[in-house]
Amino acid sequence: MGTLGAYAWAIRSGYQAKAMTLAFTTFVLFQFFNTFNARAEHGSAFNEHFFRNGKLWLALIAVIALQVVAVHRRPAQAIFDTVDLTLEDW
């Protein structure tokens, strides 16, 4: 619902490529936060072990970096059919 909401909000600008890029980015960021949902079966993921998995944090940083590359670097834009987003869009 959040991804579709972001798409609906952005499509009002009349620029479909921006709306698709925003929906793609929203989906990726939702999955980023879903990682924390999957970390703890019982209780909160925000416990004393939150920062202990260094490999997870490196992977999450890589996801954000690769998403920025997919949105803002010309060669990646050609592959993923994305356009630049403004700071407000992010």
PDB file of N, CA and C in Angstrom:
ATOM      1  N   MET A   1       0.816  -1.189   0.000  1.00  0.00           N
ATOM      2  CA  MET A   1       0.000   0.000   0.000  1.00  0.00           C
ATOM      3  C   MET A   1       0.868   1.264   0.000  1.00  0.00           C
ATOM      4  N   GLY A   2       1.952   1.228   0.742  1.00  0.00           N
ATOM      5  CA  GLY A   2       2.823   2.392   0.791  1.00  0.00           C
ATOM      6  C   GLY A   2       3.480   2.685  -0.543  1.00  0.00           C
ATOM      7  N   THR A   3       3.902   1.636  -1.232  1.00  0.00           N
ATOM      8  CA  THR A   3       4.521   1.817  -2.546  1.00  0.00           C
ATOM      9  C   THR A   3       3.516   2.366  -3.539  1.00  0.00           C
ATOM     10  N   LEU A   4       2.312   1.814  -3.518  1.00  0.00           N
ATOM     11  CA  LEU A   4       1.262   2.317  -4.419  1.00  0.00           C
ATOM     12  C   LEU A   4       0.864   3.743  -4.062  1.00  0.00           C
ATOM     13  N   GLY A   5       0.860   4.065  -2.780  1.00  0.00           N
ATOM     14  CA  GLY A   5       0.566   5.432  -2.351  1.00  0.00           C
ATOM     15  C   GLY A   5       1.618   6.411  -2.835  1.00  0.00           C
ATOM     16  N   ALA A   6       2.886   6.020  -2.748  1.00  0.00           N
ATOM     17  CA  ALA A   6       3.971   6.879  -3.250  1.00  0.00           C
ATOM     18  C   ALA A   6       3.844   7.074  -4.750  1.00  0.00           C
ATOM     19  N   TYR A   7       3.503   5.997  -5.452  1.00  0.00           N
ATOM     20  CA  TYR A   7       3.316   6.090  -6.904  1.00  0.00           C
ATOM     21  C   TYR A   7       2.152   7.031  -7.229  1.00  0.00           C
ATOM     22  N   ALA A   8       1.029   6.867  -6.550  1.00  0.00           N
ATOM     23  CA  ALA A   8      -0.149   7.711  -6.802  1.00  0.00           C
ATOM     24  C   ALA A   8       0.155   9.176  -6.511  1.00  0.00           C
ATOM     25  N   TRP A   9       0.917   9.425  -5.445  1.00  0.00           N
ATOM     26  CA  TRP A   9       1.272  10.800  -5.104  1.00  0.00           C
ATOM     27  C   TRP A   9       2.156  11.399  -6.190  1.00  0.00           C
ATOM     28  N   ALA A  10       3.129  10.618  -6.682  1.00  0.00           N
ATOM     29  CA  ALA A  10       4.081  11.132  -7.662  1.00  0.00           C
ATOM     30  C   ALA A  10       3.485  11.235  -9.064  1.00  0.00           C
ATOM     31  N   ILE A  11       2.543  10.386  -9.402  1.00  0.00           N
ATOM     32  CA  ILE A  11       1.989  10.401 -10.762  1.00  0.00           C
ATOM     33  C   ILE A  11       1.189  11.676 -11.012  1.00  0.00           C
ATOM     34  N   ARG A  12       0.761  12.328  -9.952  1.00  0.00           N
ATOM     35  CA  ARG A  12       0.031  13.589 -10.120  1.00  0.00           C
ATOM     36  C   ARG A  12       0.891  14.670 -10.761  1.00  0.00           C
ATOM     37  N   SER A  13       2.211  14.491 -10.696  1.00  0.00           N
ATOM     38  CA  SER A  13       3.102  15.457 -11.343  1.00  0.00           C
ATOM     39  C   SER A  13       3.041  15.320 -12.861  1.00  0.00           C
ATOM     40  N   GLY A  14       2.471  14.201 -13.344  1.00  0.00           N
ATOM     41  CA  GLY A  14       2.372  13.978 -14.774  1.00  0.00           C
ATOM     42  C   GLY A  14       3.623  13.379 -15.381  1.00  0.00           C
ATOM     43  N   TYR A  15       4.584  13.028 -14.557  1.00  0.00           N
ATOM     44  CA  TYR A  15       5.862  12.502 -15.030  1.00  0.00           C
ATOM     45  C   TYR A  15       5.976  11.052 -14.573  1.00  0.00           C
ATOM     46  N   GLN A  16       5.617  10.127 -15.452  1.00  0.00           N
ATOM     47  CA  GLN A  16       5.535   8.722 -15.081  1.00  0.00           C
ATOM     48  C   GLN A  16       6.884   8.140 -14.674  1.00  0.00           C
ATOM     49  N   ALA A  17       7.961   8.545 -15.323  1.00  0.00           N
ATOM     50  CA  ALA A  17       9.284   8.012 -14.981  1.00  0.00           C
ATOM     51  C   ALA A  17       9.661   8.346 -13.540  1.00  0.00           C
ATOM     52  N   LYS A  18       9.326   9.557 -13.110  1.00  0.00           N
ATOM     53  CA  LYS A  18       9.602   9.940 -11.724  1.00  0.00           C
ATOM     54  C   LYS A  18       8.741   9.120 -10.776  1.00  0.00           C
ATOM     55  N   ALA A  19       7.485   8.917 -11.117  1.00  0.00           N
ATOM     56  CA  ALA A  19       6.587   8.137 -10.268  1.00  0.00           C
ATOM     57  C   ALA A  19       7.080   6.699 -10.134  1.00  0.00           C
ATOM     58  N   MET A  20       7.546   6.120 -11.233  1.00  0.00           N
ATOM     59  CA  MET A  20       8.055   4.746 -11.187  1.00  0.00           C
ATOM     60  C   MET A  20       9.341   4.672 -10.357  1.00  0.00           C
ATOM     61  N   THR A  21      10.207   5.664 -10.503  1.00  0.00           N
ATOM     62  CA  THR A  21      11.447   5.691  -9.724  1.00  0.00           C
ATOM     63  C   THR A  21      11.132   5.828  -8.240  1.00  0.00           C
ATOM     64  N   LEU A  22      10.189   6.689  -7.914  1.00  0.00           N
ATOM     65  CA  LEU A  22       9.810   6.880  -6.517  1.00  0.00           C
ATOM     66  C   LEU A  22       9.188   5.609  -5.938  1.00  0.00           C
ATOM     67  N   ALA A  23       8.357   4.924  -6.701  1.00  0.00           N
ATOM     68  CA  ALA A  23       7.757   3.671  -6.246  1.00  0.00           C
ATOM     69  C   ALA A  23       8.838   2.605  -6.046  1.00  0.00           C
ATOM     70  N   PHE A  24       9.773   2.512  -6.971  1.00  0.00           N
ATOM     71  CA  PHE A  24      10.879   1.563  -6.866  1.00  0.00           C
ATOM     72  C   PHE A  24      11.694   1.825  -5.602  1.00  0.00           C
ATOM     73  N   THR A  25      12.020   3.083  -5.359  1.00  0.00           N
ATOM     74  CA  THR A  25      12.805   3.453  -4.187  1.00  0.00           C
ATOM     75  C   THR A  25      12.028   3.186  -2.905  1.00  0.00           C
ATOM     76  N   THR A  26      10.742   3.494  -2.905  1.00  0.00           N
ATOM     77  CA  THR A  26       9.909   3.228  -1.735  1.00  0.00           C
ATOM     78  C   THR A  26       9.880   1.742  -1.417  1.00  0.00           C
ATOM     79  N   PHE A  27       9.734   0.906  -2.445  1.00  0.00           N
ATOM     80  CA  PHE A  27       9.725  -0.539  -2.252  1.00  0.00           C
ATOM     81  C   PHE A  27      11.043  -1.022  -1.642  1.00  0.00           C
ATOM     82  N   VAL A  28      12.154  -0.535  -2.156  1.00  0.00           N
ATOM     83  CA  VAL A  28      13.466  -0.929  -1.639  1.00  0.00           C
ATOM     84  C   VAL A  28      13.604  -0.504  -0.175  1.00  0.00           C
ATOM     85  N   LEU A  29      13.190   0.712   0.146  1.00  0.00           N
ATOM     86  CA  LEU A  29      13.306   1.184   1.523  1.00  0.00           C
ATOM     87  C   LEU A  29      12.367   0.438   2.461  1.00  0.00           C
ATOM     88  N   PHE A  30      11.182   0.063   1.998  1.00  0.00           N
ATOM     89  CA  PHE A  30      10.299  -0.771   2.821  1.00  0.00           C
ATOM     90  C   PHE A  30      10.965  -2.105   3.129  1.00  0.00           C
ATOM     91  N   GLN A  31      11.645  -2.704   2.166  1.00  0.00           N
ATOM     92  CA  GLN A  31      12.333  -3.964   2.400  1.00  0.00           C
ATOM     93  C   GLN A  31      13.513  -3.771   3.358  1.00  0.00           C
ATOM     94  N   PHE A  32      14.146  -2.614   3.287  1.00  0.00           N
ATOM     95  CA  PHE A  32      15.207  -2.274   4.226  1.00  0.00           C
ATOM     96  C   PHE A  32      14.675  -2.355   5.650  1.00  0.00           C
ATOM     97  N   PHE A  33      13.535  -1.728   5.898  1.00  0.00           N
ATOM     98  CA  PHE A  33      12.957  -1.731   7.242  1.00  0.00           C
ATOM     99  C   PHE A  33      12.330  -3.077   7.595  1.00  0.00           C
ATOM    100  N   ASN A  34      11.905  -3.828   6.599  1.00  0.00           N
ATOM    101  CA  ASN A  34      11.366  -5.157   6.846  1.00  0.00           C
ATOM    102  C   ASN A  34      12.439  -6.085   7.413  1.00  0.00           C
ATOM    103  N   THR A  35      13.686  -5.811   7.111  1.00  0.00           N
ATOM    104  CA  THR A  35      14.790  -6.584   7.683  1.00  0.00           C
ATOM    105  C   THR A  35      14.717  -6.575   9.202  1.00  0.00           C
ATOM    106  N   PHE A  36      14.374  -5.438   9.776  1.00  0.00           N
ATOM    107  CA  PHE A  36      14.284  -5.346  11.230  1.00  0.00           C
ATOM    108  C   PHE A  36      13.081  -6.117  11.766  1.00  0.00           C
ATOM    109  N   ASN A  37      12.003  -6.184  11.000  1.00  0.00           N
ATOM    110  CA  ASN A  37      10.850  -6.988  11.410  1.00  0.00           C
ATOM    111  C   ASN A  37      11.210  -8.460  11.491  1.00  0.00           C
ATOM    112  N   ALA A  38      12.051  -8.909  10.574  1.00  0.00           N
ATOM    113  CA  ALA A  38      12.396 -10.328  10.500  1.00  0.00           C
ATOM    114  C   ALA A  38      13.487 -10.733  11.488  1.00  0.00           C
ATOM    115  N   ARG A  39      14.102  -9.790  12.136  1.00  0.00           N
ATOM    116  CA  ARG A  39      15.214 -10.106  13.037  1.00  0.00           C
ATOM    117  C   ARG A  39      14.785 -10.757  14.327  1.00  0.00           C
ATOM    118  N   ALA A  40      13.608 -10.450  14.814  1.00  0.00           N
ATOM    119  CA  ALA A  40      13.182 -10.974  16.117  1.00  0.00           C
ATOM    120  C   ALA A  40      11.792 -11.587  16.001  1.00  0.00           C
ATOM    121  N   GLU A  41      11.721 -12.874  16.334  1.00  0.00           N
ATOM    122  CA  GLU A  41      10.421 -13.546  16.278  1.00  0.00           C
ATOM    123  C   GLU A  41       9.533 -13.115  17.444  1.00  0.00           C
ATOM    124  N   HIS A  42      10.152 -12.925  18.584  1.00  0.00           N
ATOM    125  CA  HIS A  42       9.414 -12.492  19.782  1.00  0.00           C
ATOM    126  C   HIS A  42      10.079 -11.243  20.335  1.00  0.00           C
ATOM    127  N   GLY A  43       9.301 -10.292  20.717  1.00  0.00           N
ATOM    128  CA  GLY A  43       9.843  -9.071  21.283  1.00  0.00           C
ATOM    129  C   GLY A  43      10.290  -8.097  20.209  1.00  0.00           C
ATOM    130  N   SER A  44      10.968  -7.074  20.648  1.00  0.00           N
ATOM    131  CA  SER A  44      11.413  -6.006  19.755  1.00  0.00           C
ATOM    132  C   SER A  44      12.767  -6.330  19.125  1.00  0.00           C
ATOM    133  N   ALA A  45      12.931  -5.907  17.892  1.00  0.00           N
ATOM    134  CA  ALA A  45      14.241  -6.040  17.237  1.00  0.00           C
ATOM    135  C   ALA A  45      15.222  -5.021  17.798  1.00  0.00           C
ATOM    136  N   PHE A  46      14.698  -4.002  18.452  1.00  0.00           N
ATOM    137  CA  PHE A  46      15.539  -2.940  19.017  1.00  0.00           C
ATOM    138  C   PHE A  46      15.930  -3.313  20.447  1.00  0.00           C
ATOM    139  N   ASN A  47      16.778  -4.308  20.565  1.00  0.00           N
ATOM    140  CA  ASN A  47      17.230  -4.763  21.872  1.00  0.00           C
ATOM    141  C   ASN A  47      18.747  -4.623  21.957  1.00  0.00           C
ATOM    142  N   GLU A  48      19.353  -5.253  22.966  1.00  0.00           N
ATOM    143  CA  GLU A  48      20.792  -5.111  23.183  1.00  0.00           C
ATOM    144  C   GLU A  48      21.642  -5.705  22.056  1.00  0.00           C
ATOM    145  N   HIS A  49      21.046  -6.519  21.192  1.00  0.00           N
ATOM    146  CA  HIS A  49      21.773  -7.133  20.091  1.00  0.00           C
ATOM    147  C   HIS A  49      21.624  -6.357  18.774  1.00  0.00           C
ATOM    148  N   PHE A  50      21.015  -5.201  18.823  1.00  0.00           N
ATOM    149  CA  PHE A  50      20.661  -4.455  17.621  1.00  0.00           C
ATOM    150  C   PHE A  50      21.854  -4.178  16.714  1.00  0.00           C
ATOM    151  N   PHE A  51      22.981  -3.790  17.263  1.00  0.00           N
ATOM    152  CA  PHE A  51      24.155  -3.417  16.458  1.00  0.00           C
ATOM    153  C   PHE A  51      25.207  -4.518  16.367  1.00  0.00           C
ATOM    154  N   ARG A  52      24.924  -5.702  16.863  1.00  0.00           N
ATOM    155  CA  ARG A  52      25.939  -6.753  16.927  1.00  0.00           C
ATOM    156  C   ARG A  52      26.225  -7.441  15.603  1.00  0.00           C
ATOM    157  N   ASN A  53      25.293  -7.445  14.682  1.00  0.00           N
ATOM    158  CA  ASN A  53      25.491  -8.137  13.410  1.00  0.00           C
ATOM    159  C   ASN A  53      26.103  -7.160  12.395  1.00  0.00           C
ATOM    160  N   GLY A  54      27.418  -7.104  12.394  1.00  0.00           N
ATOM    161  CA  GLY A  54      28.131  -6.168  11.530  1.00  0.00           C
ATOM    162  C   GLY A  54      27.900  -6.441  10.053  1.00  0.00           C
ATOM    163  N   LYS A  55      27.789  -7.708   9.685  1.00  0.00           N
ATOM    164  CA  LYS A  55      27.565  -8.043   8.274  1.00  0.00           C
ATOM    165  C   LYS A  55      26.197  -7.563   7.802  1.00  0.00           C
ATOM    166  N   LEU A  56      25.213  -7.632   8.673  1.00  0.00           N
ATOM    167  CA  LEU A  56      23.888  -7.112   8.311  1.00  0.00           C
ATOM    168  C   LEU A  56      23.964  -5.615   8.069  1.00  0.00           C
ATOM    169  N   TRP A  57      24.660  -4.891   8.940  1.00  0.00           N
ATOM    170  CA  TRP A  57      24.761  -3.447   8.775  1.00  0.00           C
ATOM    171  C   TRP A  57      25.526  -3.078   7.510  1.00  0.00           C
ATOM    172  N   LEU A  58      26.558  -3.842   7.181  1.00  0.00           N
ATOM    173  CA  LEU A  58      27.272  -3.599   5.920  1.00  0.00           C
ATOM    174  C   LEU A  58      26.356  -3.849   4.722  1.00  0.00           C
ATOM    175  N   ALA A  59      25.555  -4.899   4.794  1.00  0.00           N
ATOM    176  CA  ALA A  59      24.615  -5.196   3.709  1.00  0.00           C
ATOM    177  C   ALA A  59      23.576  -4.090   3.576  1.00  0.00           C
ATOM    178  N   LEU A  60      23.082  -3.575   4.689  1.00  0.00           N
ATOM    179  CA  LEU A  60      22.080  -2.504   4.640  1.00  0.00           C
ATOM    180  C   LEU A  60      22.669  -1.212   4.075  1.00  0.00           C
ATOM    181  N   ILE A  61      23.906  -0.917   4.446  1.00  0.00           N
ATOM    182  CA  ILE A  61      24.584   0.257   3.880  1.00  0.00           C
ATOM    183  C   ILE A  61      24.772   0.068   2.375  1.00  0.00           C
ATOM    184  N   ALA A  62      25.125  -1.147   1.967  1.00  0.00           N
ATOM    185  CA  ALA A  62      25.293  -1.437   0.537  1.00  0.00           C
ATOM    186  C   ALA A  62      23.982  -1.277  -0.214  1.00  0.00           C
ATOM    187  N   VAL A  63      22.875  -1.703   0.385  1.00  0.00           N
ATOM    188  CA  VAL A  63      21.554  -1.560  -0.251  1.00  0.00           C
ATOM    189  C   VAL A  63      21.251  -0.087  -0.503  1.00  0.00           C
ATOM    190  N   ILE A  64      21.469   0.744   0.492  1.00  0.00           N
ATOM    191  CA  ILE A  64      21.196   2.187   0.342  1.00  0.00           C
ATOM    192  C   ILE A  64      22.123   2.777  -0.725  1.00  0.00           C
ATOM    193  N   ALA A  65      23.393   2.425  -0.673  1.00  0.00           N
ATOM    194  CA  ALA A  65      24.353   2.957  -1.656  1.00  0.00           C
ATOM    195  C   ALA A  65      23.979   2.524  -3.070  1.00  0.00           C
ATOM    196  N   LEU A  66      23.625   1.261  -3.237  1.00  0.00           N
ATOM    197  CA  LEU A  66      23.249   0.779  -4.567  1.00  0.00           C
ATOM    198  C   LEU A  66      21.952   1.411  -5.056  1.00  0.00           C
ATOM    199  N   GLN A  67      21.032   1.704  -4.137  1.00  0.00           N
ATOM    200  CA  GLN A  67      19.797   2.374  -4.547  1.00  0.00           C
ATOM    201  C   GLN A  67      20.099   3.790  -5.020  1.00  0.00           C
ATOM    202  N   VAL A  68      20.980   4.480  -4.326  1.00  0.00           N
ATOM    203  CA  VAL A  68      21.377   5.828  -4.758  1.00  0.00           C
ATOM    204  C   VAL A  68      22.039   5.753  -6.134  1.00  0.00           C
ATOM    205  N   VAL A  69      22.879   4.762  -6.350  1.00  0.00           N
ATOM    206  CA  VAL A  69      23.527   4.583  -7.658  1.00  0.00           C
ATOM    207  C   VAL A  69      22.468   4.319  -8.728  1.00  0.00           C
ATOM    208  N   ALA A  70      21.516   3.437  -8.434  1.00  0.00           N
ATOM    209  CA  ALA A  70      20.473   3.095  -9.413  1.00  0.00           C
ATOM    210  C   ALA A  70      19.624   4.303  -9.787  1.00  0.00           C
ATOM    211  N   VAL A  71      19.492   5.246  -8.862  1.00  0.00           N
ATOM    212  CA  VAL A  71      18.642   6.409  -9.111  1.00  0.00           C
ATOM    213  C   VAL A  71      19.424   7.577  -9.709  1.00  0.00           C
ATOM    214  N   HIS A  72      20.694   7.718  -9.368  1.00  0.00           N
ATOM    215  CA  HIS A  72      21.402   8.946  -9.741  1.00  0.00           C
ATOM    216  C   HIS A  72      22.566   8.798 -10.716  1.00  0.00           C
ATOM    217  N   ARG A  73      23.009   7.607 -11.024  1.00  0.00           N
ATOM    218  CA  ARG A  73      24.122   7.431 -11.978  1.00  0.00           C
ATOM    219  C   ARG A  73      23.560   7.088 -13.346  1.00  0.00           C
ATOM    220  N   ARG A  74      24.025   7.793 -14.365  1.00  0.00           N
ATOM    221  CA  ARG A  74      23.494   7.630 -15.728  1.00  0.00           C
ATOM    222  C   ARG A  74      23.533   6.190 -16.240  1.00  0.00           C
ATOM    223  N   PRO A  75      24.653   5.451 -16.107  1.00  0.00           N
ATOM    224  CA  PRO A  75      24.646   4.073 -16.619  1.00  0.00           C
ATOM    225  C   PRO A  75      23.602   3.193 -15.922  1.00  0.00           C
ATOM    226  N   ALA A  76      23.459   3.372 -14.615  1.00  0.00           N
ATOM    227  CA  ALA A  76      22.460   2.592 -13.875  1.00  0.00           C
ATOM    228  C   ALA A  76      21.043   3.043 -14.234  1.00  0.00           C
ATOM    229  N   GLN A  77      20.867   4.331 -14.483  1.00  0.00           N
ATOM    230  CA  GLN A  77      19.549   4.827 -14.890  1.00  0.00           C
ATOM    231  C   GLN A  77      19.122   4.174 -16.196  1.00  0.00           C
ATOM    232  N   ALA A  78      20.057   3.968 -17.095  1.00  0.00           N
ATOM    233  CA  ALA A  78      19.736   3.328 -18.367  1.00  0.00           C
ATOM    234  C   ALA A  78      19.307   1.871 -18.153  1.00  0.00           C
ATOM    235  N   ILE A  79      19.935   1.195 -17.209  1.00  0.00           N
ATOM    236  CA  ILE A  79      19.609  -0.199 -16.934  1.00  0.00           C
ATOM    237  C   ILE A  79      18.271  -0.318 -16.198  1.00  0.00           C
ATOM    238  N   PHE A  80      18.076   0.494 -15.165  1.00  0.00           N
ATOM    239  CA  PHE A  80      16.894   0.389 -14.315  1.00  0.00           C
ATOM    240  C   PHE A  80      15.741   1.296 -14.746  1.00  0.00           C
ATOM    241  N   ASP A  81      15.962   2.094 -15.778  1.00  0.00           N
ATOM    242  CA  ASP A  81      14.948   3.014 -16.279  1.00  0.00           C
ATOM    243  C   ASP A  81      14.451   3.950 -15.171  1.00  0.00           C
ATOM    244  N   THR A  82      15.410   4.556 -14.461  1.00  0.00           N
ATOM    245  CA  THR A  82      15.100   5.482 -13.380  1.00  0.00           C
ATOM    246  C   THR A  82      15.495   6.895 -13.775  1.00  0.00           C
ATOM    247  N   VAL A  83      15.037   7.851 -13.004  1.00  0.00           N
ATOM    248  CA  VAL A  83      15.396   9.256 -13.183  1.00  0.00           C
ATOM    249  C   VAL A  83      15.834   9.809 -11.834  1.00  0.00           C
ATOM    250  N   ASP A  84      16.533  10.939 -11.863  1.00  0.00           N
ATOM    251  CA  ASP A  84      16.982  11.569 -10.626  1.00  0.00           C
ATOM    252  C   ASP A  84      15.790  11.951  -9.761  1.00  0.00           C
ATOM    253  N   LEU A  85      15.963  11.772  -8.447  1.00  0.00           N
ATOM    254  CA  LEU A  85      14.979  12.231  -7.478  1.00  0.00           C
ATOM    255  C   LEU A  85      15.562  13.432  -6.744  1.00  0.00           C
ATOM    256  N   THR A  86      14.698  14.336  -6.343  1.00  0.00           N
ATOM    257  CA  THR A  86      15.147  15.479  -5.565  1.00  0.00           C
ATOM    258  C   THR A  86      15.308  15.056  -4.102  1.00  0.00           C
ATOM    259  N   LEU A  87      15.927  15.903  -3.305  1.00  0.00           N
ATOM    260  CA  LEU A  87      16.062  15.633  -1.887  1.00  0.00           C
ATOM    261  C   LEU A  87      14.686  15.505  -1.235  1.00  0.00           C
ATOM    262  N   GLU A  88      13.745  16.318  -1.686  1.00  0.00           N
ATOM    263  CA  GLU A  88      12.362  16.235  -1.177  1.00  0.00           C
ATOM    264  C   GLU A  88      11.733  14.877  -1.509  1.00  0.00           C
ATOM    265  N   ASP A  89      11.998  14.369  -2.712  1.00  0.00           N
ATOM    266  CA  ASP A  89      11.468  13.058  -3.094  1.00  0.00           C
ATOM    267  C   ASP A  89      12.019  11.951  -2.199  1.00  0.00           C
ATOM    268  N   TRP A  90      13.308  12.048  -1.868  1.00  0.00           N
ATOM    269  CA  TRP A  90      13.909  11.039  -0.999  1.00  0.00           C
ATOM    270  C   TRP A  90      13.266  11.079   0.366  1.00  0.00           C
TER     271      TRP A  90
END
